[in-house]
N, C-alpha and C. Protein backbone atom coordinates (compact mmCIF):
# COMPACT_ATOMS: atom_id res chain seq x y z
N MET A 1 -60.68 -75.35 -92.94
CA MET A 1 -61.18 -76.71 -92.81
C MET A 1 -62.62 -76.74 -93.34
N ASN A 2 -63.04 -77.86 -93.77
CA ASN A 2 -64.35 -78.07 -94.37
C ASN A 2 -65.46 -77.96 -93.31
N PRO A 3 -66.29 -76.90 -93.36
CA PRO A 3 -67.37 -76.75 -92.36
C PRO A 3 -68.37 -77.90 -92.39
N ALA A 4 -68.59 -78.51 -93.55
CA ALA A 4 -69.55 -79.61 -93.64
C ALA A 4 -69.12 -80.80 -92.80
N PHE A 5 -67.83 -81.02 -92.64
CA PHE A 5 -67.30 -82.11 -91.81
C PHE A 5 -67.82 -81.96 -90.38
N TRP A 6 -67.66 -80.76 -89.82
CA TRP A 6 -68.07 -80.50 -88.44
C TRP A 6 -69.59 -80.56 -88.32
N THR A 7 -70.31 -80.07 -89.32
CA THR A 7 -71.78 -80.10 -89.30
C THR A 7 -72.30 -81.54 -89.28
N LEU A 8 -71.70 -82.40 -90.09
CA LEU A 8 -72.13 -83.80 -90.10
C LEU A 8 -71.86 -84.47 -88.75
N LEU A 9 -70.72 -84.20 -88.17
CA LEU A 9 -70.43 -84.78 -86.85
C LEU A 9 -71.37 -84.23 -85.79
N ASP A 10 -71.71 -82.92 -85.87
CA ASP A 10 -72.69 -82.35 -84.94
C ASP A 10 -74.02 -83.09 -85.04
N GLU A 11 -74.45 -83.37 -86.26
CA GLU A 11 -75.71 -84.09 -86.47
C GLU A 11 -75.64 -85.50 -85.90
N LEU A 12 -74.50 -86.15 -86.09
CA LEU A 12 -74.32 -87.51 -85.56
C LEU A 12 -74.41 -87.51 -84.04
N VAL A 13 -73.75 -86.56 -83.40
CA VAL A 13 -73.79 -86.47 -81.94
C VAL A 13 -75.21 -86.17 -81.47
N ALA A 14 -75.87 -85.22 -82.11
CA ALA A 14 -77.23 -84.80 -81.70
C ALA A 14 -78.24 -85.93 -81.83
N SER A 15 -78.01 -86.84 -82.76
CA SER A 15 -78.97 -87.91 -83.00
C SER A 15 -78.59 -89.24 -82.33
N SER A 16 -77.59 -89.21 -81.46
CA SER A 16 -77.11 -90.45 -80.83
C SER A 16 -77.13 -90.33 -79.32
N GLU A 17 -77.32 -91.49 -78.68
CA GLU A 17 -77.21 -91.55 -77.22
C GLU A 17 -75.75 -91.78 -76.86
N ILE A 18 -75.28 -91.04 -75.87
CA ILE A 18 -73.91 -91.21 -75.37
C ILE A 18 -73.92 -92.25 -74.27
N VAL A 19 -73.06 -93.26 -74.40
CA VAL A 19 -72.92 -94.31 -73.39
C VAL A 19 -71.51 -94.19 -72.80
N ILE A 20 -71.42 -94.02 -71.49
CA ILE A 20 -70.12 -93.94 -70.83
C ILE A 20 -69.80 -95.31 -70.24
N ASP A 21 -68.73 -95.93 -70.74
CA ASP A 21 -68.33 -97.23 -70.20
C ASP A 21 -67.03 -97.17 -69.40
N GLN A 22 -66.34 -96.03 -69.45
CA GLN A 22 -65.14 -95.83 -68.64
C GLN A 22 -65.25 -94.44 -67.99
N PRO A 23 -65.83 -94.37 -66.79
CA PRO A 23 -65.98 -93.08 -66.12
C PRO A 23 -64.62 -92.48 -65.72
N ARG A 24 -64.61 -91.17 -65.61
CA ARG A 24 -63.42 -90.46 -65.12
C ARG A 24 -62.95 -91.13 -63.83
N GLY A 25 -61.64 -91.38 -63.73
CA GLY A 25 -61.08 -92.00 -62.52
C GLY A 25 -61.03 -93.51 -62.55
N SER A 26 -61.64 -94.15 -63.56
CA SER A 26 -61.60 -95.61 -63.63
C SER A 26 -60.30 -96.07 -64.30
N ALA A 27 -59.92 -97.30 -64.02
CA ALA A 27 -58.69 -97.86 -64.57
C ALA A 27 -58.94 -98.42 -65.97
N HIS A 28 -57.95 -98.29 -66.83
CA HIS A 28 -58.01 -98.88 -68.17
C HIS A 28 -58.10 -100.40 -68.00
N PRO A 29 -58.95 -101.08 -68.78
CA PRO A 29 -59.14 -102.53 -68.59
C PRO A 29 -57.88 -103.37 -68.81
N ARG A 30 -57.01 -102.96 -69.74
CA ARG A 30 -55.79 -103.74 -70.00
C ARG A 30 -54.56 -103.17 -69.32
N PHE A 31 -54.63 -101.91 -68.93
CA PHE A 31 -53.49 -101.23 -68.31
C PHE A 31 -53.97 -100.58 -67.01
N PRO A 32 -54.10 -101.35 -65.92
CA PRO A 32 -54.73 -100.86 -64.70
C PRO A 32 -54.03 -99.67 -64.05
N ASP A 33 -52.79 -99.41 -64.39
CA ASP A 33 -52.09 -98.25 -63.84
C ASP A 33 -52.49 -96.96 -64.54
N ASN A 34 -53.16 -97.07 -65.68
CA ASN A 34 -53.59 -95.89 -66.43
C ASN A 34 -55.04 -95.57 -66.09
N ILE A 35 -55.25 -94.39 -65.54
CA ILE A 35 -56.55 -93.96 -65.05
C ILE A 35 -57.15 -92.95 -66.04
N TYR A 36 -58.39 -93.18 -66.43
CA TYR A 36 -59.07 -92.29 -67.37
C TYR A 36 -59.21 -90.90 -66.76
N PRO A 37 -58.71 -89.87 -67.45
CA PRO A 37 -58.77 -88.52 -66.90
C PRO A 37 -60.14 -87.86 -67.05
N LEU A 38 -60.95 -88.34 -67.98
CA LEU A 38 -62.29 -87.82 -68.23
C LEU A 38 -63.21 -88.98 -68.60
N ASP A 39 -64.50 -88.75 -68.60
CA ASP A 39 -65.45 -89.78 -69.01
C ASP A 39 -65.21 -90.18 -70.46
N TYR A 40 -65.23 -91.49 -70.71
CA TYR A 40 -64.96 -92.04 -72.04
C TYR A 40 -66.05 -93.04 -72.37
N GLY A 41 -66.54 -92.99 -73.59
CA GLY A 41 -67.57 -93.92 -73.99
C GLY A 41 -67.73 -93.94 -75.50
N TYR A 42 -68.98 -94.07 -75.94
CA TYR A 42 -69.24 -94.18 -77.37
C TYR A 42 -70.65 -93.69 -77.70
N LEU A 43 -70.89 -93.49 -78.98
CA LEU A 43 -72.22 -93.12 -79.46
C LEU A 43 -72.96 -94.40 -79.83
N GLU A 44 -74.07 -94.64 -79.13
CA GLU A 44 -74.89 -95.82 -79.37
C GLU A 44 -75.39 -95.82 -80.82
N GLY A 45 -75.36 -96.99 -81.46
CA GLY A 45 -75.89 -97.14 -82.81
C GLY A 45 -75.00 -96.61 -83.91
N THR A 46 -73.72 -96.41 -83.61
CA THR A 46 -72.76 -95.96 -84.63
C THR A 46 -71.67 -97.01 -84.78
N THR A 47 -70.86 -96.88 -85.81
CA THR A 47 -69.77 -97.83 -86.05
C THR A 47 -68.50 -97.07 -86.38
N SER A 48 -67.42 -97.44 -85.72
CA SER A 48 -66.11 -96.83 -85.95
C SER A 48 -65.19 -97.83 -86.63
N GLY A 49 -63.94 -97.46 -86.79
CA GLY A 49 -62.97 -98.30 -87.47
C GLY A 49 -62.76 -99.66 -86.83
N ASP A 50 -63.01 -99.76 -85.52
CA ASP A 50 -62.83 -101.04 -84.84
C ASP A 50 -64.11 -101.88 -84.80
N GLY A 51 -65.16 -101.41 -85.49
CA GLY A 51 -66.42 -102.15 -85.52
C GLY A 51 -67.32 -101.86 -84.34
N GLN A 52 -66.85 -101.08 -83.39
CA GLN A 52 -67.63 -100.70 -82.22
C GLN A 52 -68.21 -99.30 -82.45
N GLY A 53 -68.93 -98.78 -81.45
CA GLY A 53 -69.47 -97.43 -81.54
C GLY A 53 -68.38 -96.38 -81.62
N ILE A 54 -68.70 -95.23 -82.20
CA ILE A 54 -67.74 -94.13 -82.31
C ILE A 54 -67.39 -93.64 -80.91
N ASP A 55 -66.11 -93.58 -80.60
CA ASP A 55 -65.63 -93.20 -79.27
C ASP A 55 -65.84 -91.72 -79.01
N VAL A 56 -66.18 -91.40 -77.75
CA VAL A 56 -66.34 -90.02 -77.32
C VAL A 56 -65.65 -89.81 -75.98
N TRP A 57 -65.11 -88.63 -75.80
CA TRP A 57 -64.58 -88.16 -74.53
C TRP A 57 -65.44 -86.97 -74.12
N LEU A 58 -65.82 -86.91 -72.84
CA LEU A 58 -66.65 -85.82 -72.35
C LEU A 58 -65.84 -84.90 -71.44
N GLY A 59 -65.84 -83.62 -71.78
CA GLY A 59 -65.15 -82.62 -70.97
C GLY A 59 -66.09 -81.98 -69.97
N SER A 60 -65.67 -80.88 -69.41
CA SER A 60 -66.43 -80.20 -68.37
C SER A 60 -67.42 -79.18 -68.93
N GLY A 61 -67.40 -78.97 -70.23
CA GLY A 61 -68.30 -78.01 -70.86
C GLY A 61 -69.56 -78.66 -71.40
N ASP A 62 -70.17 -77.99 -72.35
CA ASP A 62 -71.41 -78.45 -72.99
C ASP A 62 -71.12 -79.69 -73.83
N ILE A 63 -71.60 -80.85 -73.38
CA ILE A 63 -71.28 -82.10 -74.08
C ILE A 63 -72.06 -82.27 -75.38
N THR A 64 -72.92 -81.33 -75.71
CA THR A 64 -73.57 -81.37 -77.02
C THR A 64 -72.71 -80.64 -78.05
N ARG A 65 -71.62 -80.04 -77.60
CA ARG A 65 -70.73 -79.27 -78.48
C ARG A 65 -69.47 -80.07 -78.80
N LEU A 66 -69.27 -80.34 -80.07
CA LEU A 66 -68.07 -81.03 -80.53
C LEU A 66 -66.92 -80.03 -80.56
N SER A 67 -65.89 -80.27 -79.75
CA SER A 67 -64.79 -79.32 -79.66
C SER A 67 -63.55 -79.72 -80.44
N ALA A 68 -63.39 -81.01 -80.69
CA ALA A 68 -62.21 -81.50 -81.41
C ALA A 68 -62.43 -82.96 -81.79
N VAL A 69 -61.56 -83.46 -82.64
CA VAL A 69 -61.51 -84.88 -82.94
C VAL A 69 -60.08 -85.36 -82.75
N LEU A 70 -59.95 -86.62 -82.47
CA LEU A 70 -58.64 -87.28 -82.41
C LEU A 70 -58.62 -88.34 -83.50
N ILE A 71 -57.58 -88.36 -84.27
CA ILE A 71 -57.36 -89.40 -85.27
C ILE A 71 -56.33 -90.33 -84.66
N SER A 72 -56.70 -91.59 -84.49
CA SER A 72 -55.79 -92.51 -83.80
C SER A 72 -55.37 -93.65 -84.71
N ALA A 73 -54.18 -94.18 -84.40
CA ALA A 73 -53.64 -95.35 -85.08
C ALA A 73 -53.15 -96.32 -84.01
N ASP A 74 -53.60 -97.57 -84.11
CA ASP A 74 -53.24 -98.60 -83.14
C ASP A 74 -52.62 -99.76 -83.91
N ILE A 75 -51.32 -99.90 -83.81
CA ILE A 75 -50.61 -100.93 -84.58
C ILE A 75 -50.94 -102.33 -84.08
N ARG A 76 -51.19 -102.48 -82.77
CA ARG A 76 -51.52 -103.82 -82.25
C ARG A 76 -52.87 -104.30 -82.74
N LYS A 77 -53.86 -103.41 -82.75
CA LYS A 77 -55.19 -103.77 -83.26
C LYS A 77 -55.24 -103.69 -84.78
N ARG A 78 -54.24 -103.03 -85.36
CA ARG A 78 -54.18 -102.82 -86.82
C ARG A 78 -55.41 -102.04 -87.29
N ASP A 79 -55.70 -100.93 -86.56
CA ASP A 79 -56.82 -100.10 -86.97
C ASP A 79 -56.52 -98.62 -86.77
N ALA A 80 -57.39 -97.82 -87.32
CA ALA A 80 -57.35 -96.37 -87.15
C ALA A 80 -58.78 -95.92 -86.90
N GLU A 81 -58.93 -94.89 -86.10
CA GLU A 81 -60.27 -94.44 -85.70
C GLU A 81 -60.32 -92.93 -85.57
N LEU A 82 -61.55 -92.46 -85.49
CA LEU A 82 -61.83 -91.07 -85.18
C LEU A 82 -62.53 -91.05 -83.83
N LYS A 83 -62.02 -90.25 -82.90
CA LYS A 83 -62.62 -90.12 -81.57
C LYS A 83 -63.13 -88.68 -81.43
N LEU A 84 -64.32 -88.52 -80.87
CA LEU A 84 -64.94 -87.21 -80.75
C LEU A 84 -64.75 -86.67 -79.33
N LEU A 85 -64.35 -85.41 -79.22
CA LEU A 85 -64.19 -84.75 -77.93
C LEU A 85 -65.33 -83.76 -77.78
N LEU A 86 -66.16 -83.99 -76.78
CA LEU A 86 -67.36 -83.19 -76.57
C LEU A 86 -67.22 -82.33 -75.32
N GLY A 87 -67.45 -81.03 -75.48
CA GLY A 87 -67.39 -80.12 -74.35
C GLY A 87 -66.03 -80.02 -73.71
N CYS A 88 -64.98 -80.22 -74.47
CA CYS A 88 -63.61 -80.21 -73.93
C CYS A 88 -62.93 -78.87 -74.21
N ASP A 89 -62.39 -78.26 -73.17
CA ASP A 89 -61.61 -77.04 -73.37
C ASP A 89 -60.21 -77.46 -73.86
N THR A 90 -59.37 -76.47 -74.14
CA THR A 90 -58.04 -76.74 -74.70
C THR A 90 -57.21 -77.64 -73.78
N ALA A 91 -57.26 -77.39 -72.48
CA ALA A 91 -56.48 -78.20 -71.53
C ALA A 91 -56.98 -79.64 -71.51
N GLU A 92 -58.29 -79.82 -71.55
CA GLU A 92 -58.85 -81.18 -71.55
C GLU A 92 -58.52 -81.90 -72.85
N GLN A 93 -58.54 -81.21 -73.96
CA GLN A 93 -58.16 -81.81 -75.24
C GLN A 93 -56.74 -82.34 -75.16
N GLN A 94 -55.83 -81.52 -74.63
CA GLN A 94 -54.43 -81.93 -74.53
C GLN A 94 -54.26 -83.07 -73.54
N MET A 95 -55.03 -83.05 -72.45
CA MET A 95 -54.97 -84.12 -71.45
C MET A 95 -55.34 -85.47 -72.07
N ILE A 96 -56.37 -85.47 -72.90
CA ILE A 96 -56.80 -86.70 -73.56
C ILE A 96 -55.72 -87.17 -74.55
N ALA A 97 -55.20 -86.26 -75.35
CA ALA A 97 -54.16 -86.62 -76.31
C ALA A 97 -52.94 -87.19 -75.58
N ASP A 98 -52.54 -86.57 -74.49
CA ASP A 98 -51.39 -87.07 -73.72
C ASP A 98 -51.68 -88.45 -73.15
N PHE A 99 -52.88 -88.66 -72.64
CA PHE A 99 -53.26 -89.97 -72.10
C PHE A 99 -53.15 -91.04 -73.17
N LEU A 100 -53.67 -90.77 -74.36
CA LEU A 100 -53.64 -91.76 -75.44
C LEU A 100 -52.25 -91.95 -76.02
N ASN A 101 -51.48 -90.91 -76.11
CA ASN A 101 -50.14 -91.01 -76.69
C ASN A 101 -49.12 -91.64 -75.74
N ALA A 102 -49.54 -92.03 -74.55
CA ALA A 102 -48.65 -92.69 -73.60
C ALA A 102 -48.33 -94.13 -73.99
N TYR A 103 -49.09 -94.67 -74.94
CA TYR A 103 -48.90 -96.06 -75.37
C TYR A 103 -48.03 -96.07 -76.62
N PRO A 104 -46.90 -96.77 -76.60
CA PRO A 104 -46.02 -96.76 -77.78
C PRO A 104 -46.68 -97.29 -79.05
N SER A 105 -47.58 -98.25 -78.92
CA SER A 105 -48.19 -98.84 -80.11
C SER A 105 -49.48 -98.11 -80.53
N PHE A 106 -49.82 -97.05 -79.82
CA PHE A 106 -51.04 -96.30 -80.07
C PHE A 106 -50.71 -94.81 -80.05
N GLN A 107 -51.00 -94.14 -81.12
CA GLN A 107 -50.73 -92.70 -81.18
C GLN A 107 -51.93 -91.99 -81.78
N CYS A 108 -52.06 -90.70 -81.46
CA CYS A 108 -53.18 -89.95 -82.00
C CYS A 108 -52.75 -88.54 -82.39
N LEU A 109 -53.55 -87.95 -83.24
CA LEU A 109 -53.36 -86.59 -83.70
C LEU A 109 -54.59 -85.79 -83.29
N LEU A 110 -54.40 -84.71 -82.56
CA LEU A 110 -55.49 -83.86 -82.10
C LEU A 110 -55.82 -82.82 -83.16
N VAL A 111 -57.10 -82.73 -83.51
CA VAL A 111 -57.57 -81.74 -84.50
C VAL A 111 -58.66 -80.91 -83.82
N PRO A 112 -58.28 -79.74 -83.26
CA PRO A 112 -59.29 -78.88 -82.63
C PRO A 112 -60.24 -78.30 -83.68
N ARG A 113 -61.47 -78.08 -83.27
CA ARG A 113 -62.45 -77.47 -84.17
C ARG A 113 -62.03 -76.01 -84.39
N PRO A 114 -61.99 -75.58 -85.64
CA PRO A 114 -61.62 -74.18 -85.90
C PRO A 114 -62.60 -73.23 -85.21
N ALA A 115 -62.12 -72.09 -84.74
CA ALA A 115 -62.94 -71.13 -84.02
C ALA A 115 -64.17 -70.72 -84.80
N GLU A 116 -64.05 -70.57 -86.10
CA GLU A 116 -65.20 -70.15 -86.90
C GLU A 116 -66.25 -71.24 -87.02
N GLU A 117 -65.94 -72.46 -86.58
CA GLU A 117 -66.89 -73.57 -86.66
C GLU A 117 -67.57 -73.84 -85.32
N THR A 118 -67.32 -73.03 -84.31
CA THR A 118 -67.91 -73.30 -82.99
C THR A 118 -69.26 -72.66 -82.85
């Protein structure tokens, strides 16, 4: 995988404030039965495919460390995005992917950071 990709994302994370708008344990705004398994938010001052800040998930590890990305497709919103997983171990990465893939109209692909890029 292209090391420059991960380096650019590291720089973006390091230069941005993380805003958490859906804390772990909170209900999804449109699907109240779905509870966020980890803190979810965005990078202040960035723009993603939906015109909002770049989405981030925070794991139990070092949140300055980018551990994976999720590539998502949402047919209802008619958009695709990149979501950053910060400080997430393998189990947390899979937990997030499973949470997002529970929606039939929304699916994602998990791309863990290669070991040589950590």
